[in-house]
PDB file of N, CA and C in Angstrom:
ATOM      1  N   UNK A   1      20.519  56.040  26.762  1.00  0.00           N
ATOM      2  CA  UNK A   1      20.035  56.585  25.513  1.00  0.00           C
ATOM      3  C   UNK A   1      18.589  56.134  25.313  1.00  0.00           C
ATOM      4  N   UNK A   2      17.766  57.071  24.932  1.00  0.00           N
ATOM      5  CA  UNK A   2      16.360  56.786  24.670  1.00  0.00           C
ATOM      6  C   UNK A   2      16.102  56.955  23.175  1.00  0.00           C
ATOM      7  N   UNK A   3      16.056  55.847  22.473  1.00  0.00           N
ATOM      8  CA  UNK A   3      15.895  55.872  21.014  1.00  0.00           C
ATOM      9  C   UNK A   3      14.613  56.602  20.619  1.00  0.00           C
ATOM     10  N   UNK A   4      13.538  56.377  21.361  1.00  0.00           N
ATOM     11  CA  UNK A   4      12.258  57.014  21.034  1.00  0.00           C
ATOM     12  C   UNK A   4      12.374  58.534  21.120  1.00  0.00           C
ATOM     13  N   UNK A   5      13.000  59.034  22.183  1.00  0.00           N
ATOM     14  CA  UNK A   5      13.148  60.484  22.348  1.00  0.00           C
ATOM     15  C   UNK A   5      14.040  61.080  21.254  1.00  0.00           C
ATOM     16  N   UNK A   6      15.111  60.384  20.914  1.00  0.00           N
ATOM     17  CA  UNK A   6      15.976  60.874  19.838  1.00  0.00           C
ATOM     18  C   UNK A   6      15.216  60.868  18.520  1.00  0.00           C
ATOM     19  N   UNK A   7      14.444  59.827  18.261  1.00  0.00           N
ATOM     20  CA  UNK A   7      13.641  59.783  17.032  1.00  0.00           C
ATOM     21  C   UNK A   7      12.663  60.952  16.964  1.00  0.00           C
ATOM     22  N   UNK A   8      12.066  61.303  18.098  1.00  0.00           N
ATOM     23  CA  UNK A   8      11.156  62.452  18.124  1.00  0.00           C
ATOM     24  C   UNK A   8      11.898  63.731  17.738  1.00  0.00           C
ATOM     25  N   UNK A   9      13.082  63.891  18.287  1.00  0.00           N
ATOM     26  CA  UNK A   9      13.880  65.086  17.983  1.00  0.00           C
ATOM     27  C   UNK A   9      14.256  65.123  16.498  1.00  0.00           C
ATOM     28  N   UNK A  10      14.525  63.961  15.936  1.00  0.00           N
ATOM     29  CA  UNK A  10      14.946  63.893  14.537  1.00  0.00           C
ATOM     30  C   UNK A  10      13.777  63.877  13.551  1.00  0.00           C
ATOM     31  N   UNK A  11      12.565  64.053  14.048  1.00  0.00           N
ATOM     32  CA  UNK A  11      11.394  64.001  13.172  1.00  0.00           C
ATOM     33  C   UNK A  11      11.059  65.353  12.553  1.00  0.00           C
ATOM     34  N   UNK A  12      12.026  66.243  12.486  1.00  0.00           N
ATOM     35  CA  UNK A  12      11.824  67.589  11.956  1.00  0.00           C
ATOM     36  C   UNK A  12      12.970  67.912  10.999  1.00  0.00           C
ATOM     37  N   UNK A  13      12.639  68.359   9.785  1.00  0.00           N
ATOM     38  CA  UNK A  13      13.666  68.604   8.777  1.00  0.00           C
ATOM     39  C   UNK A  13      14.664  69.679   9.196  1.00  0.00           C
ATOM     40  N   UNK A  14      14.202  70.717   9.869  1.00  0.00           N
ATOM     41  CA  UNK A  14      15.131  71.777  10.289  1.00  0.00           C
ATOM     42  C   UNK A  14      16.162  71.240  11.272  1.00  0.00           C
ATOM     43  N   UNK A  15      15.748  70.369  12.178  1.00  0.00           N
ATOM     44  CA  UNK A  15      16.696  69.799  13.137  1.00  0.00           C
ATOM     45  C   UNK A  15      17.674  68.858  12.440  1.00  0.00           C
ATOM     46  N   UNK A  16      17.205  68.111  11.459  1.00  0.00           N
ATOM     47  CA  UNK A  16      18.103  67.272  10.651  1.00  0.00           C
ATOM     48  C   UNK A  16      19.103  68.163   9.913  1.00  0.00           C
ATOM     49  N   UNK A  17      18.613  69.256   9.341  1.00  0.00           N
ATOM     50  CA  UNK A  17      19.500  70.192   8.626  1.00  0.00           C
ATOM     51  C   UNK A  17      20.573  70.732   9.558  1.00  0.00           C
ATOM     52  N   UNK A  18      20.195  71.117  10.761  1.00  0.00           N
ATOM     53  CA  UNK A  18      21.162  71.660  11.716  1.00  0.00           C
ATOM     54  C   UNK A  18      22.252  70.631  12.002  1.00  0.00           C
ATOM     55  N   UNK A  19      21.870  69.394  12.264  1.00  0.00           N
ATOM     56  CA  UNK A  19      22.874  68.345  12.506  1.00  0.00           C
ATOM     57  C   UNK A  19      23.768  68.155  11.288  1.00  0.00           C
ATOM     58  N   UNK A  20      23.173  68.209  10.113  1.00  0.00           N
ATOM     59  CA  UNK A  20      23.954  68.063   8.875  1.00  0.00           C
ATOM     60  C   UNK A  20      24.952  69.212   8.730  1.00  0.00           C
ATOM     61  N   UNK A  21      24.497  70.430   8.935  1.00  0.00           N
ATOM     62  CA  UNK A  21      25.381  71.595   8.816  1.00  0.00           C
ATOM     63  C   UNK A  21      26.500  71.559   9.847  1.00  0.00           C
ATOM     64  N   UNK A  22      26.182  71.102  11.053  1.00  0.00           N
ATOM     65  CA  UNK A  22      27.198  71.053  12.109  1.00  0.00           C
ATOM     66  C   UNK A  22      28.230  69.955  11.879  1.00  0.00           C
ATOM     67  N   UNK A  23      27.945  69.040  10.974  1.00  0.00           N
ATOM     68  CA  UNK A  23      28.924  67.996  10.657  1.00  0.00           C
ATOM     69  C   UNK A  23      30.171  68.613  10.035  1.00  0.00           C
ATOM     70  N   UNK A  24      29.985  69.640   9.207  1.00  0.00           N
ATOM     71  CA  UNK A  24      31.096  70.370   8.582  1.00  0.00           C
ATOM     72  C   UNK A  24      30.857  71.866   8.751  1.00  0.00           C
ATOM     73  N   UNK A  25      31.060  72.371   9.964  1.00  0.00           N
ATOM     74  CA  UNK A  25      30.728  73.782  10.225  1.00  0.00           C
ATOM     75  C   UNK A  25      31.524  74.766   9.377  1.00  0.00           C
ATOM     76  N   UNK A  26      32.770  74.429   9.087  1.00  0.00           N
ATOM     77  CA  UNK A  26      33.592  75.360   8.301  1.00  0.00           C
ATOM     78  C   UNK A  26      33.048  75.547   6.897  1.00  0.00           C
ATOM     79  N   UNK A  27      32.306  74.590   6.375  1.00  0.00           N
ATOM     80  CA  UNK A  27      31.720  74.686   5.037  1.00  0.00           C
ATOM     81  C   UNK A  27      30.329  75.314   5.057  1.00  0.00           C
ATOM     82  N   UNK A  28      29.711  75.385   6.230  1.00  0.00           N
ATOM     83  CA  UNK A  28      28.320  75.817   6.296  1.00  0.00           C
ATOM     84  C   UNK A  28      28.060  77.102   7.061  1.00  0.00           C
ATOM     85  N   UNK A  29      29.069  77.601   7.781  1.00  0.00           N
ATOM     86  CA  UNK A  29      28.872  78.793   8.595  1.00  0.00           C
ATOM     87  C   UNK A  29      30.027  79.761   8.387  1.00  0.00           C
ATOM     88  N   UNK A  30      29.776  81.058   8.613  1.00  0.00           N
ATOM     89  CA  UNK A  30      30.856  82.040   8.467  1.00  0.00           C
ATOM     90  C   UNK A  30      31.880  81.900   9.599  1.00  0.00           C
ATOM     91  N   UNK A  31      33.057  82.447   9.363  1.00  0.00           N
ATOM     92  CA  UNK A  31      34.098  82.465  10.394  1.00  0.00           C
ATOM     93  C   UNK A  31      33.577  83.251  11.582  1.00  0.00           C
ATOM     94  N   UNK A  32      33.852  82.742  12.770  1.00  0.00           N
ATOM     95  CA  UNK A  32      33.386  83.376  13.997  1.00  0.00           C
ATOM     96  C   UNK A  32      34.526  84.147  14.647  1.00  0.00           C
ATOM     97  N   UNK A  33      34.184  85.175  15.394  1.00  0.00           N
ATOM     98  CA  UNK A  33      35.191  86.002  16.037  1.00  0.00           C
ATOM     99  C   UNK A  33      35.734  85.332  17.296  1.00  0.00           C
ATOM    100  N   UNK A  34      34.848  84.893  18.190  1.00  0.00           N
ATOM    101  CA  UNK A  34      35.285  84.356  19.481  1.00  0.00           C
ATOM    102  C   UNK A  34      35.837  82.939  19.396  1.00  0.00           C
ATOM    103  N   UNK A  35      35.315  82.128  18.490  1.00  0.00           N
ATOM    104  CA  UNK A  35      35.742  80.733  18.340  1.00  0.00           C
ATOM    105  C   UNK A  35      35.971  80.481  16.848  1.00  0.00           C
ATOM    106  N   UNK A  36      37.057  81.019  16.300  1.00  0.00           N
ATOM    107  CA  UNK A  36      37.242  80.971  14.848  1.00  0.00           C
ATOM    108  C   UNK A  36      37.466  79.575  14.265  1.00  0.00           C
ATOM    109  N   UNK A  37      37.916  78.620  15.074  1.00  0.00           N
ATOM    110  CA  UNK A  37      38.207  77.291  14.521  1.00  0.00           C
ATOM    111  C   UNK A  37      37.082  76.291  14.758  1.00  0.00           C
ATOM    112  N   UNK A  38      35.938  76.742  15.260  1.00  0.00           N
ATOM    113  CA  UNK A  38      34.766  75.898  15.512  1.00  0.00           C
ATOM    114  C   UNK A  38      35.031  74.803  16.538  1.00  0.00           C
ATOM    115  N   UNK A  39      36.099  74.922  17.312  1.00  0.00           N
ATOM    116  CA  UNK A  39      36.419  73.884  18.293  1.00  0.00           C
ATOM    117  C   UNK A  39      35.329  73.722  19.351  1.00  0.00           C
ATOM    118  N   UNK A  40      34.648  74.803  19.686  1.00  0.00           N
ATOM    119  CA  UNK A  40      33.550  74.728  20.647  1.00  0.00           C
ATOM    120  C   UNK A  40      32.190  74.743  19.964  1.00  0.00           C
ATOM    121  N   UNK A  41      32.185  74.697  18.650  1.00  0.00           N
ATOM    122  CA  UNK A  41      30.933  74.654  17.912  1.00  0.00           C
ATOM    123  C   UNK A  41      30.629  75.951  17.191  1.00  0.00           C
ATOM    124  N   UNK A  42      29.342  76.113  16.898  1.00  0.00           N
ATOM    125  CA  UNK A  42      28.851  77.249  16.122  1.00  0.00           C
ATOM    126  C   UNK A  42      27.917  78.071  17.000  1.00  0.00           C
ATOM    127  N   UNK A  43      28.061  79.377  16.925  1.00  0.00           N
ATOM    128  CA  UNK A  43      27.216  80.286  17.696  1.00  0.00           C
ATOM    129  C   UNK A  43      25.755  80.137  17.257  1.00  0.00           C
ATOM    130  N   UNK A  44      24.865  80.206  18.236  1.00  0.00           N
ATOM    131  CA  UNK A  44      23.432  80.102  17.956  1.00  0.00           C
ATOM    132  C   UNK A  44      23.009  81.113  16.897  1.00  0.00           C
ATOM    133  N   UNK A  45      23.578  82.299  16.947  1.00  0.00           N
ATOM    134  CA  UNK A  45      23.180  83.345  15.994  1.00  0.00           C
ATOM    135  C   UNK A  45      23.434  82.920  14.548  1.00  0.00           C
ATOM    136  N   UNK A  46      24.532  82.210  14.301  1.00  0.00           N
ATOM    137  CA  UNK A  46      24.828  81.744  12.947  1.00  0.00           C
ATOM    138  C   UNK A  46      23.886  80.612  12.528  1.00  0.00           C
ATOM    139  N   UNK A  47      23.549  79.749  13.478  1.00  0.00           N
ATOM    140  CA  UNK A  47      22.608  78.663  13.186  1.00  0.00           C
ATOM    141  C   UNK A  47      21.243  79.261  12.854  1.00  0.00           C
ATOM    142  N   UNK A  48      20.835  80.249  13.632  1.00  0.00           N
ATOM    143  CA  UNK A  48      19.554  80.901  13.377  1.00  0.00           C
ATOM    144  C   UNK A  48      19.539  81.557  12.003  1.00  0.00           C
ATOM    145  N   UNK A  49      20.593  82.277  11.666  1.00  0.00           N
ATOM    146  CA  UNK A  49      20.664  82.935  10.357  1.00  0.00           C
ATOM    147  C   UNK A  49      20.511  81.927   9.222  1.00  0.00           C
ATOM    148  N   UNK A  50      21.173  80.781   9.353  1.00  0.00           N
ATOM    149  CA  UNK A  50      21.141  79.775   8.283  1.00  0.00           C
ATOM    150  C   UNK A  50      19.760  79.139   8.157  1.00  0.00           C
ATOM    151  N   UNK A  51      19.079  78.911   9.278  1.00  0.00           N
ATOM    152  CA  UNK A  51      17.757  78.282   9.211  1.00  0.00           C
ATOM    153  C   UNK A  51      16.689  79.234   8.698  1.00  0.00           C
ATOM    154  N   UNK A  52      16.859  80.530   8.987  1.00  0.00           N
ATOM    155  CA  UNK A  52      15.832  81.496   8.630  1.00  0.00           C
ATOM    156  C   UNK A  52      14.638  81.467   9.577  1.00  0.00           C
ATOM    157  N   UNK A  53      14.769  80.712  10.666  1.00  0.00           N
ATOM    158  CA  UNK A  53      13.699  80.605  11.655  1.00  0.00           C
ATOM    159  C   UNK A  53      13.915  81.623  12.768  1.00  0.00           C
ATOM    160  N   UNK A  54      12.907  81.812  13.594  1.00  0.00           N
ATOM    161  CA  UNK A  54      13.024  82.764  14.696  1.00  0.00           C
ATOM    162  C   UNK A  54      14.042  82.275  15.722  1.00  0.00           C
ATOM    163  N   UNK A  55      14.566  83.212  16.490  1.00  0.00           N
ATOM    164  CA  UNK A  55      15.546  82.878  17.518  1.00  0.00           C
ATOM    165  C   UNK A  55      14.949  81.923  18.539  1.00  0.00           C
ATOM    166  N   UNK A  56      13.704  82.151  18.918  1.00  0.00           N
ATOM    167  CA  UNK A  56      13.087  81.288  19.922  1.00  0.00           C
ATOM    168  C   UNK A  56      12.896  79.868  19.400  1.00  0.00           C
ATOM    169  N   UNK A  57      12.538  79.714  18.140  1.00  0.00           N
ATOM    170  CA  UNK A  57      12.371  78.382  17.550  1.00  0.00           C
ATOM    171  C   UNK A  57      13.697  77.655  17.492  1.00  0.00           C
ATOM    172  N   UNK A  58      14.735  78.334  17.027  1.00  0.00           N
ATOM    173  CA  UNK A  58      16.053  77.706  16.926  1.00  0.00           C
ATOM    174  C   UNK A  58      16.572  77.349  18.308  1.00  0.00           C
ATOM    175  N   UNK A  59      16.401  78.223  19.277  1.00  0.00           N
ATOM    176  CA  UNK A  59      16.838  77.918  20.642  1.00  0.00           C
ATOM    177  C   UNK A  59      16.105  76.700  21.185  1.00  0.00           C
ATOM    178  N   UNK A  60      14.818  76.608  20.906  1.00  0.00           N
ATOM    179  CA  UNK A  60      14.038  75.445  21.340  1.00  0.00           C
ATOM    180  C   UNK A  60      14.548  74.175  20.677  1.00  0.00           C
ATOM    181  N   UNK A  61      14.794  74.219  19.381  1.00  0.00           N
ATOM    182  CA  UNK A  61      15.307  73.053  18.656  1.00  0.00           C
ATOM    183  C   UNK A  61      16.662  72.615  19.203  1.00  0.00           C
ATOM    184  N   UNK A  62      17.549  73.576  19.430  1.00  0.00           N
ATOM    185  CA  UNK A  62      18.877  73.254  19.954  1.00  0.00           C
ATOM    186  C   UNK A  62      18.777  72.669  21.358  1.00  0.00           C
ATOM    187  N   UNK A  63      17.893  73.211  22.173  1.00  0.00           N
ATOM    188  CA  UNK A  63      17.697  72.677  23.528  1.00  0.00           C
ATOM    189  C   UNK A  63      17.191  71.237  23.478  1.00  0.00           C
ATOM    190  N   UNK A  64      16.287  70.950  22.550  1.00  0.00           N
ATOM    191  CA  UNK A  64      15.777  69.588  22.391  1.00  0.00           C
ATOM    192  C   UNK A  64      16.905  68.627  22.017  1.00  0.00           C
ATOM    193  N   UNK A  65      17.737  69.041  21.071  1.00  0.00           N
ATOM    194  CA  UNK A  65      18.838  68.187  20.628  1.00  0.00           C
ATOM    195  C   UNK A  65      19.879  68.017  21.731  1.00  0.00           C
ATOM    196  N   UNK A  66      20.092  69.068  22.501  1.00  0.00           N
ATOM    197  CA  UNK A  66      21.031  69.007  23.623  1.00  0.00           C
ATOM    198  C   UNK A  66      20.499  68.081  24.712  1.00  0.00           C
ATOM    199  N   UNK A  67      19.205  68.134  24.968  1.00  0.00           N
ATOM    200  CA  UNK A  67      18.588  67.317  26.019  1.00  0.00           C
ATOM    201  C   UNK A  67      18.773  65.824  25.767  1.00  0.00           C
ATOM    202  N   UNK A  68      18.757  65.403  24.493  1.00  0.00           N
ATOM    203  CA  UNK A  68      18.949  63.979  24.164  1.00  0.00           C
ATOM    204  C   UNK A  68      20.408  63.684  23.799  1.00  0.00           C
ATOM    205  N   UNK A  69      21.290  64.626  24.091  1.00  0.00           N
ATOM    206  CA  UNK A  69      22.746  64.484  23.935  1.00  0.00           C
ATOM    207  C   UNK A  69      23.238  64.407  22.494  1.00  0.00           C
ATOM    208  N   UNK A  70      22.451  64.877  21.537  1.00  0.00           N
ATOM    209  CA  UNK A  70      22.949  64.923  20.160  1.00  0.00           C
ATOM    210  C   UNK A  70      23.892  66.103  19.959  1.00  0.00           C
ATOM    211  N   UNK A  71      23.782  67.119  20.817  1.00  0.00           N
ATOM    212  CA  UNK A  71      24.627  68.305  20.734  1.00  0.00           C
ATOM    213  C   UNK A  71      25.318  68.565  22.067  1.00  0.00           C
ATOM    214  N   UNK A  72      26.480  69.184  21.962  1.00  0.00           N
ATOM    215  CA  UNK A  72      27.235  69.641  23.128  1.00  0.00           C
ATOM    216  C   UNK A  72      27.207  71.167  23.110  1.00  0.00           C
ATOM    217  N   UNK A  73      26.825  71.763  24.228  1.00  0.00           N
ATOM    218  CA  UNK A  73      26.749  73.222  24.338  1.00  0.00           C
ATOM    219  C   UNK A  73      27.927  73.741  25.152  1.00  0.00           C
ATOM    220  N   UNK A  74      28.504  74.851  24.682  1.00  0.00           N
ATOM    221  CA  UNK A  74      29.594  75.519  25.393  1.00  0.00           C
ATOM    222  C   UNK A  74      29.283  77.009  25.445  1.00  0.00           C
ATOM    223  N   UNK A  75      29.376  77.585  26.639  1.00  0.00           N
ATOM    224  CA  UNK A  75      29.113  79.021  26.806  1.00  0.00           C
ATOM    225  C   UNK A  75      30.411  79.812  26.716  1.00  0.00           C
ATOM    226  N   UNK A  76      30.330  80.934  26.015  1.00  0.00           N
ATOM    227  CA  UNK A  76      31.400  81.936  25.965  1.00  0.00           C
ATOM    228  C   UNK A  76      30.725  83.266  26.259  1.00  0.00           C
ATOM    229  N   UNK A  77      30.821  83.709  27.506  1.00  0.00           N
ATOM    230  CA  UNK A  77      30.128  84.930  27.892  1.00  0.00           C
ATOM    231  C   UNK A  77      28.632  84.728  27.762  1.00  0.00           C
ATOM    232  N   UNK A  78      27.990  85.612  27.011  1.00  0.00           N
ATOM    233  CA  UNK A  78      26.536  85.497  26.843  1.00  0.00           C
ATOM    234  C   UNK A  78      26.150  84.631  25.646  1.00  0.00           C
ATOM    235  N   UNK A  79      27.130  84.117  24.914  1.00  0.00           N
ATOM    236  CA  UNK A  79      26.860  83.340  23.708  1.00  0.00           C
ATOM    237  C   UNK A  79      27.009  81.843  23.973  1.00  0.00           C
ATOM    238  N   UNK A  80      26.150  81.058  23.340  1.00  0.00           N
ATOM    239  CA  UNK A  80      26.234  79.607  23.431  1.00  0.00           C
ATOM    240  C   UNK A  80      26.616  79.059  22.060  1.00  0.00           C
ATOM    241  N   UNK A  81      27.541  78.130  22.073  1.00  0.00           N
ATOM    242  CA  UNK A  81      28.020  77.476  20.857  1.00  0.00           C
ATOM    243  C   UNK A  81      27.642  76.002  20.920  1.00  0.00           C
ATOM    244  N   UNK A  82      27.232  75.458  19.784  1.00  0.00           N
ATOM    245  CA  UNK A  82      26.822  74.055  19.730  1.00  0.00           C
ATOM    246  C   UNK A  82      27.647  73.296  18.711  1.00  0.00           C
ATOM    247  N   UNK A  83      27.982  72.064  19.091  1.00  0.00           N
ATOM    248  CA  UNK A  83      28.626  71.142  18.158  1.00  0.00           C
ATOM    249  C   UNK A  83      28.002  69.770  18.335  1.00  0.00           C
ATOM    250  N   UNK A  84      28.189  68.945  17.338  1.00  0.00           N
ATOM    251  CA  UNK A  84      27.641  67.590  17.378  1.00  0.00           C
ATOM    252  C   UNK A  84      28.335  66.759  18.450  1.00  0.00           C
ATOM    253  N   UNK A  85      27.573  65.895  19.080  1.00  0.00           N
ATOM    254  CA  UNK A  85      28.125  64.927  20.021  1.00  0.00           C
ATOM    255  C   UNK A  85      28.307  63.634  19.223  1.00  0.00           C
ATOM    256  N   UNK A  86      29.470  63.506  18.598  1.00  0.00           N
ATOM    257  CA  UNK A  86      29.718  62.388  17.684  1.00  0.00           C
ATOM    258  C   UNK A  86      29.601  61.035  18.380  1.00  0.00           C
ATOM    259  N   UNK A  87      30.007  60.949  19.642  1.00  0.00           N
ATOM    260  CA  UNK A  87      29.900  59.679  20.367  1.00  0.00           C
ATOM    261  C   UNK A  87      28.445  59.253  20.515  1.00  0.00           C
ATOM    262  N   UNK A  88      27.591  60.187  20.868  1.00  0.00           N
ATOM    263  CA  UNK A  88      26.174  59.851  21.052  1.00  0.00           C
ATOM    264  C   UNK A  88      25.504  59.528  19.717  1.00  0.00           C
ATOM    265  N   UNK A  89      25.868  60.242  18.668  1.00  0.00           N
ATOM    266  CA  UNK A  89      25.317  59.946  17.339  1.00  0.00           C
ATOM    267  C   UNK A  89      25.737  58.543  16.911  1.00  0.00           C
ATOM    268  N   UNK A  90      26.995  58.196  17.140  1.00  0.00           N
ATOM    269  CA  UNK A  90      27.495  56.858  16.828  1.00  0.00           C
ATOM    270  C   UNK A  90      26.731  55.798  17.628  1.00  0.00           C
ATOM    271  N   UNK A  91      26.547  56.040  18.930  1.00  0.00           N
ATOM    272  CA  UNK A  91      25.813  55.092  19.778  1.00  0.00           C
ATOM    273  C   UNK A  91      24.369  54.942  19.321  1.00  0.00           C
ATOM    274  N   UNK A  92      23.750  56.038  18.922  1.00  0.00           N
ATOM    275  CA  UNK A  92      22.368  56.002  18.433  1.00  0.00           C
ATOM    276  C   UNK A  92      22.266  55.138  17.171  1.00  0.00           C
ATOM    277  N   UNK A  93      23.167  55.361  16.234  1.00  0.00           N
ATOM    278  CA  UNK A  93      23.149  54.584  14.981  1.00  0.00           C
ATOM    279  C   UNK A  93      23.377  53.103  15.276  1.00  0.00           C
ATOM    280  N   UNK A  94      24.304  52.797  16.146  1.00  0.00           N
ATOM    281  CA  UNK A  94      24.551  51.396  16.509  1.00  0.00           C
ATOM    282  C   UNK A  94      23.349  50.780  17.211  1.00  0.00           C
ATOM    283  N   UNK A  95      22.689  51.549  18.060  1.00  0.00           N
ATOM    284  CA  UNK A  95      21.493  51.036  18.736  1.00  0.00           C
ATOM    285  C   UNK A  95      20.402  50.721  17.725  1.00  0.00           C
ATOM    286  N   UNK A  96      20.243  51.590  16.745  1.00  0.00           N
ATOM    287  CA  UNK A  96      19.261  51.320  15.698  1.00  0.00           C
ATOM    288  C   UNK A  96      19.603  50.028  14.944  1.00  0.00           C
ATOM    289  N   UNK A  97      20.861  49.870  14.618  1.00  0.00           N
ATOM    290  CA  UNK A  97      21.286  48.652  13.923  1.00  0.00           C
ATOM    291  C   UNK A  97      20.962  47.414  14.738  1.00  0.00           C
ATOM    292  N   UNK A  98      21.223  47.476  16.040  1.00  0.00           N
ATOM    293  CA  UNK A  98      21.002  46.321  16.912  1.00  0.00           C
ATOM    294  C   UNK A  98      19.521  46.072  17.180  1.00  0.00           C
ATOM    295  N   UNK A  99      18.748  47.132  17.298  1.00  0.00           N
ATOM    296  CA  UNK A  99      17.327  46.987  17.623  1.00  0.00           C
ATOM    297  C   UNK A  99      16.504  46.591  16.407  1.00  0.00           C
ATOM    298  N   UNK A 100      16.878  47.094  15.264  1.00  0.00           N
ATOM    299  CA  UNK A 100      16.103  46.812  14.056  1.00  0.00           C
ATOM    300  C   UNK A 100      16.762  45.698  13.297  1.00  0.00           C
TER     301      UNK A 100
END
């Protein structure tokens, strides 16, 4: 885990919002057709709609969060679904506690 890289990723309000929304996807996103129980996460299209940002910006943000393991990506056909990586978030918080 690279605390500095994760901190860089978390230095943007939209990315913080995405992580917050993904904490309780059923309360923040509409029901999905292919993955109705959010077990594999939330479709990029729904995340983009909620942010109001362009598809390319949201895809870039999600890729950044995935690269530092804050998100888990699952493909269903041509669609990618993202969910929080709770283990990595827990490890990050504990590392901050220990380092600071």
